[in-house]
Amino acid sequence: QVQLVESGGGSVQTGASLRLSCAFSGYTNRYYAIGWFRQAPGREREGVAAIDIDDNTEHSGSVKGRFAISKDNAKATVYLQMNTLKPEDTAMYYCAAGVFLNGLGDGSWSNWSNFRYWGQGTQVTVSS
């Protein structure tokens, strides 16, 4: 059974940093990828970043240069390092797992419907 558990959210001020963690288990597909998504009230779920089994990464334009996704295979954990946080980064952050036979380069990772398994989410609140 695939399980994903997020942690590391919190309330911070503008310009601060946070690191989110996603502990995953039970996923054995060779073509899996782990993605981070966020959803603010009244807004659609947005793809933030993704990483595949070969550690290839993708980041959305809104976070590129500020956020970085990484993976520790020994700990079966994916991280999202978030720097220079802004109030517009406030959202519930979710990690998710899905299969990407063609890798992450075609942009399909940013579509939440391509991810089958989801964690429960962790809240990030950035105040000005």
N, C-alpha and C. Protein backbone atom coordinates (compact mmCIF):
# COMPACT_ATOMS: atom_id res chain seq x y z
N GLN A 1 0.84 -1.19 0.00
CA GLN A 1 0.00 0.00 0.00
C GLN A 1 0.88 1.24 0.00
N VAL A 2 0.60 2.15 -0.91
CA VAL A 2 1.38 3.39 -1.02
C VAL A 2 0.93 4.37 0.06
N GLN A 3 1.91 4.91 0.75
CA GLN A 3 1.62 5.92 1.76
C GLN A 3 2.55 7.10 1.60
N LEU A 4 2.01 8.29 1.76
CA LEU A 4 2.79 9.52 1.73
C LEU A 4 2.38 10.36 2.92
N VAL A 5 3.37 10.83 3.66
CA VAL A 5 3.10 11.61 4.86
C VAL A 5 3.94 12.88 4.82
N GLU A 6 3.26 14.02 4.77
CA GLU A 6 3.95 15.30 4.74
C GLU A 6 4.18 15.84 6.15
N SER A 7 5.21 16.64 6.27
CA SER A 7 5.47 17.34 7.53
C SER A 7 6.31 18.57 7.22
N GLY A 8 6.42 19.46 8.20
CA GLY A 8 7.30 20.60 8.07
C GLY A 8 6.63 21.94 7.81
N GLY A 9 5.31 21.94 7.65
CA GLY A 9 4.63 23.20 7.44
C GLY A 9 4.64 24.07 8.69
N GLY A 10 4.18 25.30 8.53
CA GLY A 10 4.12 26.20 9.67
C GLY A 10 3.77 27.61 9.25
N SER A 11 3.82 28.50 10.21
CA SER A 11 3.55 29.92 9.97
C SER A 11 4.84 30.70 10.10
N VAL A 12 5.17 31.44 9.05
CA VAL A 12 6.42 32.20 9.02
C VAL A 12 6.15 33.58 8.43
N GLN A 13 7.15 34.44 8.51
CA GLN A 13 7.03 35.76 7.93
C GLN A 13 7.68 35.80 6.55
N THR A 14 7.32 36.82 5.81
CA THR A 14 7.88 37.01 4.47
C THR A 14 9.41 36.98 4.51
N GLY A 15 9.98 36.24 3.56
CA GLY A 15 11.42 36.14 3.47
C GLY A 15 12.02 34.95 4.20
N ALA A 16 11.22 34.29 5.01
CA ALA A 16 11.72 33.14 5.78
C ALA A 16 11.82 31.90 4.90
N SER A 17 12.35 30.83 5.50
CA SER A 17 12.50 29.56 4.80
C SER A 17 11.80 28.45 5.58
N LEU A 18 11.37 27.44 4.85
CA LEU A 18 10.81 26.23 5.43
C LEU A 18 11.26 25.06 4.59
N ARG A 19 11.36 23.89 5.21
CA ARG A 19 11.62 22.68 4.45
C ARG A 19 10.50 21.67 4.74
N LEU A 20 9.79 21.32 3.71
CA LEU A 20 8.75 20.30 3.82
C LEU A 20 9.35 18.93 3.53
N SER A 21 8.82 17.93 4.22
CA SER A 21 9.25 16.55 4.00
C SER A 21 8.06 15.70 3.60
N CYS A 22 8.33 14.73 2.76
CA CYS A 22 7.31 13.77 2.33
C CYS A 22 7.92 12.38 2.44
N ALA A 23 7.49 11.66 3.46
CA ALA A 23 7.96 10.28 3.64
C ALA A 23 7.05 9.35 2.84
N PHE A 24 7.63 8.59 1.94
CA PHE A 24 6.81 7.73 1.09
C PHE A 24 7.21 6.27 1.27
N SER A 25 6.25 5.38 1.06
CA SER A 25 6.51 3.95 1.19
C SER A 25 5.54 3.18 0.31
N GLY A 26 5.94 1.97 -0.03
CA GLY A 26 5.06 1.07 -0.77
C GLY A 26 5.03 1.28 -2.26
N TYR A 27 5.89 2.19 -2.78
CA TYR A 27 5.84 2.47 -4.22
C TYR A 27 7.04 1.83 -4.89
N THR A 28 6.80 0.89 -5.78
CA THR A 28 7.89 0.13 -6.37
C THR A 28 7.98 0.29 -7.89
N ASN A 29 7.09 1.08 -8.48
CA ASN A 29 7.12 1.24 -9.93
C ASN A 29 8.37 1.97 -10.38
N ARG A 30 9.01 1.45 -11.44
CA ARG A 30 10.28 2.00 -11.92
C ARG A 30 10.12 3.43 -12.43
N TYR A 31 8.94 3.78 -12.89
CA TYR A 31 8.73 5.09 -13.51
C TYR A 31 7.99 6.07 -12.60
N TYR A 32 8.08 5.85 -11.32
CA TYR A 32 7.34 6.74 -10.43
C TYR A 32 8.03 8.09 -10.32
N ALA A 33 7.24 9.08 -9.96
CA ALA A 33 7.74 10.41 -9.61
C ALA A 33 6.95 10.90 -8.41
N ILE A 34 7.58 11.73 -7.63
CA ILE A 34 6.93 12.37 -6.49
C ILE A 34 6.80 13.85 -6.79
N GLY A 35 5.64 14.38 -6.60
CA GLY A 35 5.40 15.79 -6.85
C GLY A 35 4.90 16.52 -5.62
N TRP A 36 5.15 17.82 -5.59
CA TRP A 36 4.58 18.70 -4.57
C TRP A 36 3.56 19.61 -5.26
N PHE A 37 2.40 19.70 -4.64
CA PHE A 37 1.33 20.57 -5.12
C PHE A 37 0.90 21.47 -3.98
N ARG A 38 0.24 22.56 -4.31
CA ARG A 38 -0.31 23.42 -3.29
C ARG A 38 -1.68 23.92 -3.73
N GLN A 39 -2.48 24.19 -2.73
CA GLN A 39 -3.83 24.70 -3.01
C GLN A 39 -4.21 25.72 -1.96
N ALA A 40 -4.50 26.91 -2.42
CA ALA A 40 -4.98 27.98 -1.55
C ALA A 40 -6.50 28.01 -1.63
N PRO A 41 -7.17 28.52 -0.60
CA PRO A 41 -8.64 28.59 -0.62
C PRO A 41 -9.16 29.31 -1.85
N GLY A 42 -10.10 28.67 -2.54
CA GLY A 42 -10.71 29.28 -3.71
C GLY A 42 -9.88 29.19 -4.98
N ARG A 43 -8.76 28.50 -4.91
CA ARG A 43 -7.90 28.40 -6.08
C ARG A 43 -7.69 26.94 -6.46
N GLU A 44 -7.30 26.71 -7.70
CA GLU A 44 -7.05 25.35 -8.16
C GLU A 44 -5.73 24.82 -7.60
N ARG A 45 -5.64 23.51 -7.54
CA ARG A 45 -4.42 22.88 -7.08
C ARG A 45 -3.32 23.12 -8.12
N GLU A 46 -2.17 23.55 -7.65
CA GLU A 46 -1.08 23.98 -8.53
C GLU A 46 0.14 23.10 -8.33
N GLY A 47 0.73 22.63 -9.43
CA GLY A 47 1.96 21.87 -9.36
C GLY A 47 3.13 22.78 -9.01
N VAL A 48 3.92 22.38 -8.02
CA VAL A 48 5.04 23.20 -7.56
C VAL A 48 6.36 22.63 -8.06
N ALA A 49 6.56 21.33 -7.87
CA ALA A 49 7.82 20.70 -8.27
C ALA A 49 7.62 19.19 -8.31
N ALA A 50 8.53 18.52 -9.00
CA ALA A 50 8.47 17.07 -9.07
C ALA A 50 9.87 16.51 -9.25
N ILE A 51 10.04 15.24 -8.83
CA ILE A 51 11.32 14.57 -8.95
C ILE A 51 11.07 13.12 -9.30
N ASP A 52 11.87 12.58 -10.23
CA ASP A 52 11.65 11.20 -10.62
C ASP A 52 12.71 10.28 -9.99
N ILE A 53 12.64 9.01 -10.34
CA ILE A 53 13.50 8.02 -9.70
C ILE A 53 14.98 8.26 -10.00
N ASP A 54 15.26 8.94 -11.11
CA ASP A 54 16.65 9.26 -11.47
C ASP A 54 17.08 10.63 -10.97
N ASP A 55 16.26 11.24 -10.12
CA ASP A 55 16.52 12.56 -9.54
C ASP A 55 16.46 13.70 -10.55
N ASN A 56 15.80 13.48 -11.67
CA ASN A 56 15.50 14.60 -12.55
C ASN A 56 14.41 15.43 -11.88
N THR A 57 14.52 16.74 -11.99
CA THR A 57 13.57 17.61 -11.29
C THR A 57 12.93 18.61 -12.24
N GLU A 58 11.75 19.07 -11.85
CA GLU A 58 11.05 20.15 -12.52
C GLU A 58 10.47 21.07 -11.45
N HIS A 59 10.44 22.36 -11.75
CA HIS A 59 9.85 23.34 -10.85
C HIS A 59 8.96 24.28 -11.66
N SER A 60 7.90 24.73 -11.03
CA SER A 60 7.03 25.68 -11.71
C SER A 60 7.72 27.03 -11.80
N GLY A 61 7.29 27.83 -12.74
CA GLY A 61 7.89 29.13 -12.94
C GLY A 61 7.74 30.04 -11.73
N SER A 62 6.65 29.88 -10.99
CA SER A 62 6.39 30.76 -9.85
C SER A 62 7.32 30.51 -8.67
N VAL A 63 7.98 29.36 -8.64
CA VAL A 63 8.85 29.05 -7.51
C VAL A 63 10.30 28.81 -7.93
N LYS A 64 10.55 28.78 -9.23
CA LYS A 64 11.91 28.49 -9.70
C LYS A 64 12.88 29.53 -9.15
N GLY A 65 13.98 29.04 -8.61
CA GLY A 65 14.96 29.93 -8.01
C GLY A 65 14.75 30.15 -6.53
N ARG A 66 13.56 29.83 -6.02
CA ARG A 66 13.28 29.98 -4.59
C ARG A 66 13.06 28.64 -3.91
N PHE A 67 12.41 27.71 -4.60
CA PHE A 67 12.13 26.39 -4.06
C PHE A 67 13.02 25.36 -4.74
N ALA A 68 13.32 24.29 -4.03
CA ALA A 68 14.11 23.21 -4.62
C ALA A 68 13.63 21.87 -4.08
N ILE A 69 13.34 20.95 -4.97
CA ILE A 69 12.92 19.60 -4.59
C ILE A 69 14.13 18.69 -4.60
N SER A 70 14.18 17.77 -3.65
CA SER A 70 15.27 16.81 -3.59
C SER A 70 14.76 15.52 -2.97
N LYS A 71 15.58 14.49 -3.03
CA LYS A 71 15.14 13.17 -2.54
C LYS A 71 16.28 12.47 -1.84
N ASP A 72 15.98 11.83 -0.75
CA ASP A 72 16.93 10.99 -0.03
C ASP A 72 16.39 9.57 -0.11
N ASN A 73 16.98 8.77 -0.99
CA ASN A 73 16.46 7.41 -1.20
C ASN A 73 16.63 6.54 0.04
N ALA A 74 17.71 6.74 0.77
CA ALA A 74 17.94 5.93 1.96
C ALA A 74 16.85 6.15 3.00
N LYS A 75 16.33 7.37 3.04
CA LYS A 75 15.28 7.70 4.00
C LYS A 75 13.89 7.65 3.37
N ALA A 76 13.83 7.34 2.07
CA ALA A 76 12.55 7.31 1.35
C ALA A 76 11.77 8.58 1.63
N THR A 77 12.45 9.70 1.46
CA THR A 77 11.84 11.01 1.77
C THR A 77 12.17 11.99 0.65
N VAL A 78 11.17 12.75 0.26
CA VAL A 78 11.33 13.84 -0.68
C VAL A 78 11.17 15.15 0.07
N TYR A 79 12.02 16.10 -0.23
CA TYR A 79 12.01 17.39 0.46
C TYR A 79 11.64 18.51 -0.51
N LEU A 80 11.05 19.54 0.04
CA LEU A 80 10.83 20.78 -0.69
C LEU A 80 11.41 21.90 0.14
N GLN A 81 12.58 22.37 -0.25
CA GLN A 81 13.20 23.50 0.42
C GLN A 81 12.60 24.78 -0.14
N MET A 82 12.00 25.58 0.71
CA MET A 82 11.34 26.79 0.28
C MET A 82 12.03 28.00 0.91
N ASN A 83 12.62 28.83 0.07
CA ASN A 83 13.33 30.02 0.53
C ASN A 83 12.61 31.27 0.05
N THR A 84 12.93 32.37 0.69
CA THR A 84 12.37 33.68 0.33
C THR A 84 10.84 33.58 0.16
N LEU A 85 10.19 33.05 1.17
CA LEU A 85 8.75 32.84 1.10
C LEU A 85 8.00 34.16 1.01
N LYS A 86 6.89 34.11 0.26
CA LYS A 86 6.05 35.27 0.04
C LYS A 86 4.63 34.96 0.52
N PRO A 87 3.83 35.96 0.83
CA PRO A 87 2.44 35.70 1.24
C PRO A 87 1.67 34.87 0.21
N GLU A 88 1.96 35.03 -1.06
CA GLU A 88 1.27 34.27 -2.10
C GLU A 88 1.66 32.78 -2.12
N ASP A 89 2.64 32.40 -1.32
CA ASP A 89 2.98 30.98 -1.17
C ASP A 89 2.09 30.29 -0.14
N THR A 90 1.28 31.06 0.55
CA THR A 90 0.38 30.49 1.55
C THR A 90 -0.59 29.52 0.91
N ALA A 91 -0.62 28.29 1.41
CA ALA A 91 -1.47 27.25 0.84
C ALA A 91 -1.31 25.97 1.65
N MET A 92 -2.17 25.01 1.37
CA MET A 92 -1.96 23.65 1.84
C MET A 92 -1.05 22.97 0.82
N TYR A 93 0.01 22.36 1.29
CA TYR A 93 0.97 21.70 0.41
C TYR A 93 0.79 20.18 0.53
N TYR A 94 0.72 19.55 -0.63
CA TYR A 94 0.54 18.11 -0.70
C TYR A 94 1.68 17.47 -1.48
N CYS A 95 2.07 16.27 -1.08
CA CYS A 95 2.93 15.49 -1.95
C CYS A 95 2.10 14.35 -2.55
N ALA A 96 2.53 13.90 -3.71
CA ALA A 96 1.77 12.90 -4.44
C ALA A 96 2.71 12.02 -5.24
N ALA A 97 2.25 10.83 -5.55
CA ALA A 97 3.05 9.89 -6.33
C ALA A 97 2.29 9.46 -7.58
N GLY A 98 3.02 9.35 -8.68
CA GLY A 98 2.40 8.93 -9.93
C GLY A 98 3.42 8.28 -10.84
N VAL A 99 2.92 7.71 -11.93
CA VAL A 99 3.78 7.03 -12.90
C VAL A 99 3.93 7.90 -14.14
N PHE A 100 5.16 8.10 -14.56
CA PHE A 100 5.46 8.93 -15.72
C PHE A 100 6.40 8.15 -16.64
N LEU A 101 5.83 7.44 -17.59
CA LEU A 101 6.62 6.60 -18.48
C LEU A 101 7.58 7.41 -19.34
N ASN A 102 7.23 8.65 -19.64
CA ASN A 102 8.07 9.50 -20.50
C ASN A 102 8.87 10.52 -19.70
N GLY A 103 8.96 10.33 -18.41
CA GLY A 103 9.72 11.26 -17.58
C GLY A 103 8.92 12.52 -17.30
N LEU A 104 9.60 13.53 -16.82
CA LEU A 104 8.95 14.77 -16.39
C LEU A 104 9.02 15.88 -17.43
N GLY A 105 9.77 15.68 -18.49
CA GLY A 105 10.07 16.76 -19.41
C GLY A 105 8.92 17.29 -20.23
N ASP A 106 7.83 16.53 -20.35
CA ASP A 106 6.72 16.98 -21.20
C ASP A 106 5.72 17.85 -20.44
N GLY A 107 6.00 18.12 -19.18
CA GLY A 107 5.14 19.01 -18.42
C GLY A 107 3.93 18.37 -17.78
N SER A 108 3.72 17.09 -18.04
CA SER A 108 2.52 16.44 -17.50
C SER A 108 2.56 16.33 -15.99
N TRP A 109 3.74 16.49 -15.38
CA TRP A 109 3.85 16.41 -13.92
C TRP A 109 3.04 17.50 -13.24
N SER A 110 2.81 18.62 -13.92
CA SER A 110 2.13 19.74 -13.28
C SER A 110 0.62 19.56 -13.20
N ASN A 111 0.11 18.51 -13.80
CA ASN A 111 -1.32 18.21 -13.76
C ASN A 111 -1.60 17.25 -12.62
N TRP A 112 -2.36 17.71 -11.63
CA TRP A 112 -2.58 16.90 -10.43
C TRP A 112 -3.27 15.58 -10.75
N SER A 113 -4.04 15.53 -11.83
CA SER A 113 -4.79 14.31 -12.14
C SER A 113 -3.87 13.17 -12.59
N ASN A 114 -2.60 13.47 -12.87
CA ASN A 114 -1.66 12.42 -13.26
C ASN A 114 -1.01 11.73 -12.08
N PHE A 115 -1.37 12.16 -10.88
CA PHE A 115 -0.83 11.56 -9.66
C PHE A 115 -1.93 10.76 -8.98
N ARG A 116 -1.62 9.52 -8.66
CA ARG A 116 -2.66 8.63 -8.14
C ARG A 116 -2.74 8.64 -6.62
N TYR A 117 -1.60 8.80 -5.95
CA TYR A 117 -1.57 8.68 -4.50
C TYR A 117 -1.20 10.03 -3.87
N TRP A 118 -1.87 10.36 -2.78
CA TRP A 118 -1.73 11.67 -2.15
C TRP A 118 -1.55 11.55 -0.65
N GLY A 119 -0.78 12.50 -0.11
CA GLY A 119 -0.69 12.64 1.33
C GLY A 119 -1.82 13.52 1.84
N GLN A 120 -1.81 13.74 3.14
CA GLN A 120 -2.91 14.49 3.77
C GLN A 120 -2.70 15.99 3.74
N GLY A 121 -1.49 16.43 3.43
CA GLY A 121 -1.21 17.85 3.31
C GLY A 121 -0.61 18.45 4.56
N THR A 122 0.11 19.55 4.38
CA THR A 122 0.67 20.31 5.49
C THR A 122 0.52 21.80 5.15
N GLN A 123 0.07 22.57 6.12
CA GLN A 123 -0.26 23.98 5.88
C GLN A 123 0.97 24.86 5.98
N VAL A 124 1.11 25.75 5.01
CA VAL A 124 2.15 26.78 5.03
C VAL A 124 1.46 28.14 4.99
N THR A 125 1.76 28.97 5.97
CA THR A 125 1.19 30.31 6.03
C THR A 125 2.32 31.32 6.13
N VAL A 126 2.32 32.27 5.19
CA VAL A 126 3.35 33.29 5.15
C VAL A 126 2.69 34.65 5.37
N SER A 127 3.09 35.33 6.40
CA SER A 127 2.50 36.63 6.71
C SER A 127 3.46 37.76 6.32
N SER A 128 2.86 38.88 5.98
CA SER A 128 3.68 40.03 5.55
C SER A 128 4.07 40.89 6.73
